[in-house]
């Protein structure tokens, strides 16, 4: 068996509530991040603004230095940004290690419907990362990261587009590289958890339906644009839609039974 790497437990990432659902396993946390279409990135906008800022961004875990690195090894988080956005300007001006950021991802796998409102829950997967963001200035690494992020939307999409990006496109696009210092994940799966006092109450159990409604993201049939001239939907799109829909459905339905492969990793 191979080694299992975990993030160090610090005050910033230690899970205090439902500790049994926590994981610090790199593979589990990175898998949640990579399978989330949108990451929420929070940062401090500065002393002149009292409110913390948070942005929805596209990102992906990876290692430019070791591109063959496994999902369970130490990785950086690459984020796609615009050249003049606030987070990019702050990262550009940051000294030392870079701009401190928190990256969060969450996925809902089921609606857990119990006998009482207080016992209702979700089956879910969530993850957070803390780290320092800097602009990627090396052109080769920037193109590598752009390909990594593009292919996270649909595998092999980069090679099936007009590439490489031209000068204007490269100038307007910024890649932030987050050096991760810690992270944690939290997973809930299984069925309903009701208290004994409610399960023994016949009046309640005879009228309240309990169970889990599986939830999964589904991709629909591809719709061509008005300018599209390619008659058939490419295989790299069709196969991705089909396989991902099957995987998402299987994960959500298996989670109801407590058969969660990510949880087994963590």
C-alpha atoms as a PDB file:
ATOM      1  CA  UNK A   1       0.000   0.000   0.000  1.00  0.00           C
ATOM      2  CA  UNK A   2       1.157   3.524  -0.744  1.00  0.00           C
ATOM      3  CA  UNK A   3       1.527   6.208   1.871  1.00  0.00           C
ATOM      4  CA  UNK A   4      -1.356   8.536   2.730  1.00  0.00           C
ATOM      5  CA  UNK A   5      -0.372  12.184   3.023  1.00  0.00           C
ATOM      6  CA  UNK A   6      -2.387  14.540   5.209  1.00  0.00           C
ATOM      7  CA  UNK A   7      -2.455  18.277   5.820  1.00  0.00           C
ATOM      8  CA  UNK A   8      -1.135  19.411   9.214  1.00  0.00           C
ATOM      9  CA  UNK A   9      -3.851  20.270  11.732  1.00  0.00           C
ATOM     10  CA  UNK A  10      -3.756  23.920  12.706  1.00  0.00           C
ATOM     11  CA  UNK A  11      -6.257  26.245  14.335  1.00  0.00           C
ATOM     12  CA  UNK A  12      -7.252  27.508  10.892  1.00  0.00           C
ATOM     13  CA  UNK A  13      -8.258  24.142   9.421  1.00  0.00           C
ATOM     14  CA  UNK A  14      -9.127  21.805  12.308  1.00  0.00           C
ATOM     15  CA  UNK A  15     -12.739  20.600  12.221  1.00  0.00           C
ATOM     16  CA  UNK A  16     -14.381  20.992  15.631  1.00  0.00           C
ATOM     17  CA  UNK A  17     -17.995  19.959  14.978  1.00  0.00           C
ATOM     18  CA  UNK A  18     -18.757  16.383  13.863  1.00  0.00           C
ATOM     19  CA  UNK A  19     -15.080  15.471  13.946  1.00  0.00           C
ATOM     20  CA  UNK A  20     -15.917  11.994  12.663  1.00  0.00           C
ATOM     21  CA  UNK A  21     -16.817  13.559   9.315  1.00  0.00           C
ATOM     22  CA  UNK A  22     -13.489  15.358   8.990  1.00  0.00           C
ATOM     23  CA  UNK A  23     -10.642  14.405   6.704  1.00  0.00           C
ATOM     24  CA  UNK A  24      -7.193  15.896   6.241  1.00  0.00           C
ATOM     25  CA  UNK A  25      -6.221  13.467   3.500  1.00  0.00           C
ATOM     26  CA  UNK A  26      -4.698  15.273   0.508  1.00  0.00           C
ATOM     27  CA  UNK A  27      -6.269  12.950  -2.064  1.00  0.00           C
ATOM     28  CA  UNK A  28      -9.782  13.407  -0.683  1.00  0.00           C
ATOM     29  CA  UNK A  29      -9.523  17.176  -0.349  1.00  0.00           C
ATOM     30  CA  UNK A  30      -7.926  17.666  -3.770  1.00  0.00           C
ATOM     31  CA  UNK A  31     -10.587  15.447  -5.377  1.00  0.00           C
ATOM     32  CA  UNK A  32     -13.369  17.617  -3.945  1.00  0.00           C
ATOM     33  CA  UNK A  33     -11.635  20.780  -5.159  1.00  0.00           C
ATOM     34  CA  UNK A  34     -11.004  19.395  -8.659  1.00  0.00           C
ATOM     35  CA  UNK A  35     -14.554  18.111  -9.114  1.00  0.00           C
ATOM     36  CA  UNK A  36     -16.167  21.431  -8.140  1.00  0.00           C
ATOM     37  CA  UNK A  37     -17.010  23.633 -11.158  1.00  0.00           C
ATOM     38  CA  UNK A  38     -16.808  26.795  -9.033  1.00  0.00           C
ATOM     39  CA  UNK A  39     -14.450  27.577  -6.173  1.00  0.00           C
ATOM     40  CA  UNK A  40     -15.136  30.391  -3.738  1.00  0.00           C
ATOM     41  CA  UNK A  41     -11.985  32.332  -2.952  1.00  0.00           C
ATOM     42  CA  UNK A  42     -11.970  34.735  -0.008  1.00  0.00           C
ATOM     43  CA  UNK A  43      -9.373  37.358   0.860  1.00  0.00           C
ATOM     44  CA  UNK A  44      -8.966  40.618   2.742  1.00  0.00           C
ATOM     45  CA  UNK A  45      -9.472  43.639   0.458  1.00  0.00           C
ATOM     46  CA  UNK A  46      -7.444  45.890   2.752  1.00  0.00           C
ATOM     47  CA  UNK A  47      -7.861  48.204   5.757  1.00  0.00           C
ATOM     48  CA  UNK A  48     -10.103  50.650   3.886  1.00  0.00           C
ATOM     49  CA  UNK A  49     -12.848  48.039   3.411  1.00  0.00           C
ATOM     50  CA  UNK A  50     -14.354  46.457   6.563  1.00  0.00           C
ATOM     51  CA  UNK A  51     -15.892  43.522   4.712  1.00  0.00           C
ATOM     52  CA  UNK A  52     -14.053  40.377   3.638  1.00  0.00           C
ATOM     53  CA  UNK A  53     -14.231  39.733  -0.105  1.00  0.00           C
ATOM     54  CA  UNK A  54     -15.197  36.473  -1.785  1.00  0.00           C
ATOM     55  CA  UNK A  55     -15.124  35.584  -5.468  1.00  0.00           C
ATOM     56  CA  UNK A  56     -16.399  32.619  -7.495  1.00  0.00           C
ATOM     57  CA  UNK A  57     -13.459  31.395  -9.573  1.00  0.00           C
ATOM     58  CA  UNK A  58     -12.405  28.466 -11.724  1.00  0.00           C
ATOM     59  CA  UNK A  59      -9.422  26.537 -10.431  1.00  0.00           C
ATOM     60  CA  UNK A  60      -7.605  23.230 -10.347  1.00  0.00           C
ATOM     61  CA  UNK A  61      -4.966  21.452  -8.297  1.00  0.00           C
ATOM     62  CA  UNK A  62      -1.729  20.614 -10.049  1.00  0.00           C
ATOM     63  CA  UNK A  63       2.054  20.737 -10.033  1.00  0.00           C
ATOM     64  CA  UNK A  64       3.993  22.388 -12.838  1.00  0.00           C
ATOM     65  CA  UNK A  65       7.293  21.195 -11.371  1.00  0.00           C
ATOM     66  CA  UNK A  66       5.996  17.593 -11.181  1.00  0.00           C
ATOM     67  CA  UNK A  67       3.148  17.310 -13.738  1.00  0.00           C
ATOM     68  CA  UNK A  68       2.799  13.575 -13.135  1.00  0.00           C
ATOM     69  CA  UNK A  69       2.189  14.103  -9.407  1.00  0.00           C
ATOM     70  CA  UNK A  70      -0.674  12.056  -8.009  1.00  0.00           C
ATOM     71  CA  UNK A  71      -3.845  13.669  -6.628  1.00  0.00           C
ATOM     72  CA  UNK A  72      -2.694  12.587  -3.169  1.00  0.00           C
ATOM     73  CA  UNK A  73       0.622  14.438  -3.313  1.00  0.00           C
ATOM     74  CA  UNK A  74       1.346  18.079  -2.393  1.00  0.00           C
ATOM     75  CA  UNK A  75      -0.097  20.289  -5.128  1.00  0.00           C
ATOM     76  CA  UNK A  76      -0.637  23.963  -5.848  1.00  0.00           C
ATOM     77  CA  UNK A  77      -4.025  25.445  -6.647  1.00  0.00           C
ATOM     78  CA  UNK A  78      -4.139  27.369  -9.925  1.00  0.00           C
ATOM     79  CA  UNK A  79      -6.893  29.995 -10.303  1.00  0.00           C
ATOM     80  CA  UNK A  80      -8.038  31.694 -13.513  1.00  0.00           C
ATOM     81  CA  UNK A  81      -8.386  35.484 -13.249  1.00  0.00           C
ATOM     82  CA  UNK A  82      -8.628  38.728 -15.200  1.00  0.00           C
ATOM     83  CA  UNK A  83      -5.676  41.077 -15.412  1.00  0.00           C
ATOM     84  CA  UNK A  84      -7.321  44.017 -13.592  1.00  0.00           C
ATOM     85  CA  UNK A  85      -9.513  42.225 -11.046  1.00  0.00           C
ATOM     86  CA  UNK A  86      -9.153  43.215  -7.400  1.00  0.00           C
ATOM     87  CA  UNK A  87      -7.716  39.914  -6.227  1.00  0.00           C
ATOM     88  CA  UNK A  88      -5.149  39.973  -9.034  1.00  0.00           C
ATOM     89  CA  UNK A  89      -4.092  43.542  -8.183  1.00  0.00           C
ATOM     90  CA  UNK A  90      -3.742  42.622  -4.510  1.00  0.00           C
ATOM     91  CA  UNK A  91      -1.725  39.508  -5.336  1.00  0.00           C
ATOM     92  CA  UNK A  92       0.487  41.544  -7.655  1.00  0.00           C
ATOM     93  CA  UNK A  93       1.202  44.062  -4.901  1.00  0.00           C
ATOM     94  CA  UNK A  94       1.597  41.515  -2.099  1.00  0.00           C
ATOM     95  CA  UNK A  95       5.023  41.153  -0.587  1.00  0.00           C
ATOM     96  CA  UNK A  96       6.663  38.109   0.941  1.00  0.00           C
ATOM     97  CA  UNK A  97       4.819  34.837   0.485  1.00  0.00           C
ATOM     98  CA  UNK A  98       1.890  36.424  -1.386  1.00  0.00           C
ATOM     99  CA  UNK A  99      -1.767  37.262  -0.802  1.00  0.00           C
ATOM    100  CA  UNK A 100      -3.380  35.136   1.954  1.00  0.00           C
ATOM    101  CA  UNK A 101      -6.493  33.407   0.572  1.00  0.00           C
ATOM    102  CA  UNK A 102      -9.005  30.770   1.573  1.00  0.00           C
ATOM    103  CA  UNK A 103     -10.457  28.477  -1.091  1.00  0.00           C
ATOM    104  CA  UNK A 104     -13.733  26.659  -0.443  1.00  0.00           C
ATOM    105  CA  UNK A 105     -15.685  24.032  -2.375  1.00  0.00           C
ATOM    106  CA  UNK A 106     -18.901  22.200  -1.556  1.00  0.00           C
ATOM    107  CA  UNK A 107     -21.099  19.601  -3.232  1.00  0.00           C
ATOM    108  CA  UNK A 108     -24.559  18.410  -2.162  1.00  0.00           C
ATOM    109  CA  UNK A 109     -25.187  14.675  -2.633  1.00  0.00           C
ATOM    110  CA  UNK A 110     -28.555  14.234  -0.963  1.00  0.00           C
ATOM    111  CA  UNK A 111     -31.432  15.785   1.005  1.00  0.00           C
ATOM    112  CA  UNK A 112     -31.712  13.985   4.337  1.00  0.00           C
ATOM    113  CA  UNK A 113     -35.342  14.234   5.476  1.00  0.00           C
ATOM    114  CA  UNK A 114     -35.899  13.276   9.100  1.00  0.00           C
ATOM    115  CA  UNK A 115     -38.763  13.134  11.582  1.00  0.00           C
ATOM    116  CA  UNK A 116     -37.980  16.544  13.079  1.00  0.00           C
ATOM    117  CA  UNK A 117     -36.747  19.772  11.463  1.00  0.00           C
ATOM    118  CA  UNK A 118     -33.666  19.840  13.668  1.00  0.00           C
ATOM    119  CA  UNK A 119     -32.533  16.421  12.402  1.00  0.00           C
ATOM    120  CA  UNK A 120     -32.701  17.314   8.724  1.00  0.00           C
ATOM    121  CA  UNK A 121     -29.377  17.429   6.919  1.00  0.00           C
ATOM    122  CA  UNK A 122     -27.534  17.081   3.622  1.00  0.00           C
ATOM    123  CA  UNK A 123     -25.278  14.384   2.357  1.00  0.00           C
ATOM    124  CA  UNK A 124     -22.360  16.514   1.247  1.00  0.00           C
ATOM    125  CA  UNK A 125     -18.683  16.905   0.490  1.00  0.00           C
ATOM    126  CA  UNK A 126     -16.823  20.083   1.372  1.00  0.00           C
ATOM    127  CA  UNK A 127     -13.214  21.217   1.425  1.00  0.00           C
ATOM    128  CA  UNK A 128     -11.167  24.268   2.303  1.00  0.00           C
ATOM    129  CA  UNK A 129      -7.597  25.275   1.548  1.00  0.00           C
ATOM    130  CA  UNK A 130      -5.488  28.075   3.019  1.00  0.00           C
ATOM    131  CA  UNK A 131      -2.524  29.437   1.146  1.00  0.00           C
ATOM    132  CA  UNK A 132      -0.706  32.335  -0.464  1.00  0.00           C
ATOM    133  CA  UNK A 133      -1.498  33.535  -3.992  1.00  0.00           C
ATOM    134  CA  UNK A 134       1.038  34.908  -6.436  1.00  0.00           C
ATOM    135  CA  UNK A 135       0.852  35.708 -10.140  1.00  0.00           C
ATOM    136  CA  UNK A 136       2.350  33.128 -12.473  1.00  0.00           C
ATOM    137  CA  UNK A 137       4.956  35.050 -14.468  1.00  0.00           C
ATOM    138  CA  UNK A 138       6.676  32.200 -16.274  1.00  0.00           C
ATOM    139  CA  UNK A 139       5.053  31.954 -19.732  1.00  0.00           C
ATOM    140  CA  UNK A 140       5.459  28.189 -19.989  1.00  0.00           C
ATOM    141  CA  UNK A 141       3.876  27.590 -16.586  1.00  0.00           C
ATOM    142  CA  UNK A 142       1.065  29.999 -17.416  1.00  0.00           C
ATOM    143  CA  UNK A 143       0.159  28.140 -20.618  1.00  0.00           C
ATOM    144  CA  UNK A 144       0.412  24.825 -18.752  1.00  0.00           C
ATOM    145  CA  UNK A 145      -1.978  26.072 -16.072  1.00  0.00           C
ATOM    146  CA  UNK A 146      -4.404  27.459 -18.664  1.00  0.00           C
ATOM    147  CA  UNK A 147      -4.506  24.049 -20.317  1.00  0.00           C
ATOM    148  CA  UNK A 148      -4.983  22.354 -16.945  1.00  0.00           C
ATOM    149  CA  UNK A 149      -7.945  24.587 -16.079  1.00  0.00           C
ATOM    150  CA  UNK A 150      -9.502  24.385 -19.564  1.00  0.00           C
ATOM    151  CA  UNK A 151      -9.379  20.595 -19.500  1.00  0.00           C
ATOM    152  CA  UNK A 152     -11.014  20.601 -16.066  1.00  0.00           C
ATOM    153  CA  UNK A 153     -14.162  21.955 -17.729  1.00  0.00           C
ATOM    154  CA  UNK A 154     -14.209  19.230 -20.405  1.00  0.00           C
ATOM    155  CA  UNK A 155     -11.288  16.790 -20.749  1.00  0.00           C
ATOM    156  CA  UNK A 156      -9.217  17.300 -23.922  1.00  0.00           C
ATOM    157  CA  UNK A 157     -10.993  20.584 -24.658  1.00  0.00           C
ATOM    158  CA  UNK A 158      -7.703  22.509 -24.938  1.00  0.00           C
ATOM    159  CA  UNK A 159      -6.483  20.396 -27.869  1.00  0.00           C
ATOM    160  CA  UNK A 160      -9.869  20.707 -29.568  1.00  0.00           C
ATOM    161  CA  UNK A 161      -9.825  24.512 -29.732  1.00  0.00           C
ATOM    162  CA  UNK A 162      -7.889  27.219 -31.546  1.00  0.00           C
ATOM    163  CA  UNK A 163      -4.562  27.227 -29.739  1.00  0.00           C
ATOM    164  CA  UNK A 164      -2.266  28.663 -28.593  1.00  0.00           C
ATOM    165  CA  UNK A 165      -3.943  31.809 -27.200  1.00  0.00           C
ATOM    166  CA  UNK A 166      -2.811  34.970 -28.975  1.00  0.00           C
ATOM    167  CA  UNK A 167      -0.922  37.844 -27.383  1.00  0.00           C
ATOM    168  CA  UNK A 168      -4.000  39.833 -26.377  1.00  0.00           C
ATOM    169  CA  UNK A 169      -5.579  36.794 -24.766  1.00  0.00           C
ATOM    170  CA  UNK A 170      -2.432  36.004 -22.814  1.00  0.00           C
ATOM    171  CA  UNK A 171      -2.125  39.614 -21.664  1.00  0.00           C
ATOM    172  CA  UNK A 172      -5.698  39.844 -20.390  1.00  0.00           C
ATOM    173  CA  UNK A 173      -5.619  36.492 -18.600  1.00  0.00           C
ATOM    174  CA  UNK A 174      -3.870  36.017 -15.272  1.00  0.00           C
ATOM    175  CA  UNK A 175      -3.172  32.749 -13.484  1.00  0.00           C
ATOM    176  CA  UNK A 176      -2.834  32.841  -9.719  1.00  0.00           C
ATOM    177  CA  UNK A 177      -0.777  30.102  -8.112  1.00  0.00           C
ATOM    178  CA  UNK A 178      -1.723  29.344  -4.532  1.00  0.00           C
ATOM    179  CA  UNK A 179       0.906  27.693  -2.385  1.00  0.00           C
ATOM    180  CA  UNK A 180      -1.222  25.663   0.007  1.00  0.00           C
ATOM    181  CA  UNK A 181      -0.248  25.586   3.692  1.00  0.00           C
ATOM    182  CA  UNK A 182      -3.178  23.614   5.103  1.00  0.00           C
ATOM    183  CA  UNK A 183      -6.572  22.193   4.259  1.00  0.00           C
ATOM    184  CA  UNK A 184      -9.388  20.031   5.524  1.00  0.00           C
ATOM    185  CA  UNK A 185     -12.486  18.312   4.239  1.00  0.00           C
ATOM    186  CA  UNK A 186     -15.806  17.226   5.659  1.00  0.00           C
ATOM    187  CA  UNK A 187     -18.070  14.490   4.324  1.00  0.00           C
ATOM    188  CA  UNK A 188     -21.549  13.394   5.376  1.00  0.00           C
ATOM    189  CA  UNK A 189     -23.127  10.295   3.880  1.00  0.00           C
ATOM    190  CA  UNK A 190     -25.628   7.660   4.938  1.00  0.00           C
ATOM    191  CA  UNK A 191     -29.286   7.811   5.846  1.00  0.00           C
ATOM    192  CA  UNK A 192     -31.541   9.494   8.376  1.00  0.00           C
ATOM    193  CA  UNK A 193     -30.404   9.968  11.982  1.00  0.00           C
ATOM    194  CA  UNK A 194     -33.368  10.463  14.320  1.00  0.00           C
ATOM    195  CA  UNK A 195     -33.450  10.403  18.102  1.00  0.00           C
ATOM    196  CA  UNK A 196     -34.940   7.425  19.877  1.00  0.00           C
ATOM    197  CA  UNK A 197     -37.704   9.526  21.438  1.00  0.00           C
ATOM    198  CA  UNK A 198     -38.983  10.401  17.951  1.00  0.00           C
ATOM    199  CA  UNK A 199     -38.526   6.933  16.439  1.00  0.00           C
ATOM    200  CA  UNK A 200     -40.578   5.491  19.320  1.00  0.00           C
ATOM    201  CA  UNK A 201     -43.384   8.036  18.837  1.00  0.00           C
ATOM    202  CA  UNK A 202     -45.987   6.201  16.749  1.00  0.00           C
ATOM    203  CA  UNK A 203     -48.015   9.344  16.100  1.00  0.00           C
ATOM    204  CA  UNK A 204     -44.977  10.964  14.498  1.00  0.00           C
ATOM    205  CA  UNK A 205     -43.672   7.957  12.588  1.00  0.00           C
ATOM    206  CA  UNK A 206     -47.114   7.151  11.159  1.00  0.00           C
ATOM    207  CA  UNK A 207     -47.436  10.504   9.395  1.00  0.00           C
ATOM    208  CA  UNK A 208     -43.903  11.774   8.638  1.00  0.00           C
ATOM    209  CA  UNK A 209     -42.039  10.358   5.634  1.00  0.00           C
ATOM    210  CA  UNK A 210     -38.318   9.986   6.197  1.00  0.00           C
ATOM    211  CA  UNK A 211     -35.508   9.139   3.817  1.00  0.00           C
ATOM    212  CA  UNK A 212     -32.915  10.619   1.484  1.00  0.00           C
ATOM    213  CA  UNK A 213     -33.417  12.302  -1.878  1.00  0.00           C
ATOM    214  CA  UNK A 214     -30.179  11.752  -3.844  1.00  0.00           C
ATOM    215  CA  UNK A 215     -28.821  14.898  -5.513  1.00  0.00           C
ATOM    216  CA  UNK A 216     -26.351  14.986  -8.381  1.00  0.00           C
ATOM    217  CA  UNK A 217     -25.262  17.400 -11.092  1.00  0.00           C
ATOM    218  CA  UNK A 218     -26.529  16.413 -14.527  1.00  0.00           C
ATOM    219  CA  UNK A 219     -25.274  17.637 -17.893  1.00  0.00           C
ATOM    220  CA  UNK A 220     -27.889  17.974 -20.622  1.00  0.00           C
ATOM    221  CA  UNK A 221     -27.690  17.348 -24.344  1.00  0.00           C
ATOM    222  CA  UNK A 222     -25.163  19.696 -26.012  1.00  0.00           C
ATOM    223  CA  UNK A 223     -26.849  22.562 -27.896  1.00  0.00           C
ATOM    224  CA  UNK A 224     -24.866  23.939 -30.866  1.00  0.00           C
ATOM    225  CA  UNK A 225     -24.293  27.666 -31.152  1.00  0.00           C
ATOM    226  CA  UNK A 226     -25.822  29.649 -33.995  1.00  0.00           C
ATOM    227  CA  UNK A 227     -22.367  29.922 -35.592  1.00  0.00           C
ATOM    228  CA  UNK A 228     -21.452  26.245 -35.185  1.00  0.00           C
ATOM    229  CA  UNK A 229     -20.470  24.500 -38.436  1.00  0.00           C
ATOM    230  CA  UNK A 230     -19.506  21.091 -37.010  1.00  0.00           C
ATOM    231  CA  UNK A 231     -22.423  18.744 -37.595  1.00  0.00           C
ATOM    232  CA  UNK A 232     -21.637  16.069 -35.012  1.00  0.00           C
ATOM    233  CA  UNK A 233     -20.976  16.741 -31.349  1.00  0.00           C
ATOM    234  CA  UNK A 234     -17.315  15.743 -30.805  1.00  0.00           C
ATOM    235  CA  UNK A 235     -16.647  12.519 -28.963  1.00  0.00           C
ATOM    236  CA  UNK A 236     -14.641  14.244 -26.217  1.00  0.00           C
ATOM    237  CA  UNK A 237     -17.806  16.159 -25.275  1.00  0.00           C
ATOM    238  CA  UNK A 238     -20.318  13.312 -25.679  1.00  0.00           C
ATOM    239  CA  UNK A 239     -18.264  10.799 -23.707  1.00  0.00           C
ATOM    240  CA  UNK A 240     -17.623  13.304 -20.919  1.00  0.00           C
ATOM    241  CA  UNK A 241     -21.318  14.153 -20.549  1.00  0.00           C
ATOM    242  CA  UNK A 242     -22.323  10.490 -20.483  1.00  0.00           C
ATOM    243  CA  UNK A 243     -19.617   9.245 -18.122  1.00  0.00           C
ATOM    244  CA  UNK A 244     -19.909  12.182 -15.714  1.00  0.00           C
ATOM    245  CA  UNK A 245     -23.672  11.861 -15.447  1.00  0.00           C
ATOM    246  CA  UNK A 246     -23.274   8.163 -14.637  1.00  0.00           C
ATOM    247  CA  UNK A 247     -20.545   8.815 -12.081  1.00  0.00           C
ATOM    248  CA  UNK A 248     -22.457  11.609 -10.359  1.00  0.00           C
ATOM    249  CA  UNK A 249     -25.603   9.522 -10.122  1.00  0.00           C
ATOM    250  CA  UNK A 250     -23.711   6.515  -8.767  1.00  0.00           C
ATOM    251  CA  UNK A 251     -21.933   8.604  -6.142  1.00  0.00           C
ATOM    252  CA  UNK A 252     -25.142  10.200  -4.839  1.00  0.00           C
ATOM    253  CA  UNK A 253     -27.075   6.926  -4.674  1.00  0.00           C
ATOM    254  CA  UNK A 254     -24.182   5.066  -3.060  1.00  0.00           C
ATOM    255  CA  UNK A 255     -23.759   7.860  -0.512  1.00  0.00           C
ATOM    256  CA  UNK A 256     -27.246   7.081   0.813  1.00  0.00           C
ATOM    257  CA  UNK A 257     -25.970   3.599   1.695  1.00  0.00           C
ATOM    258  CA  UNK A 258     -22.793   5.008   3.230  1.00  0.00           C
ATOM    259  CA  UNK A 259     -20.701   3.656   0.369  1.00  0.00           C
ATOM    260  CA  UNK A 260     -18.483   6.661  -0.122  1.00  0.00           C
ATOM    261  CA  UNK A 261     -15.131   6.045  -1.868  1.00  0.00           C
ATOM    262  CA  UNK A 262     -13.749   9.436  -0.855  1.00  0.00           C
ATOM    263  CA  UNK A 263     -14.552   8.823   2.782  1.00  0.00           C
ATOM    264  CA  UNK A 264     -12.739   5.501   2.597  1.00  0.00           C
ATOM    265  CA  UNK A 265      -9.666   7.335   1.313  1.00  0.00           C
ATOM    266  CA  UNK A 266      -9.777   9.828   4.160  1.00  0.00           C
END
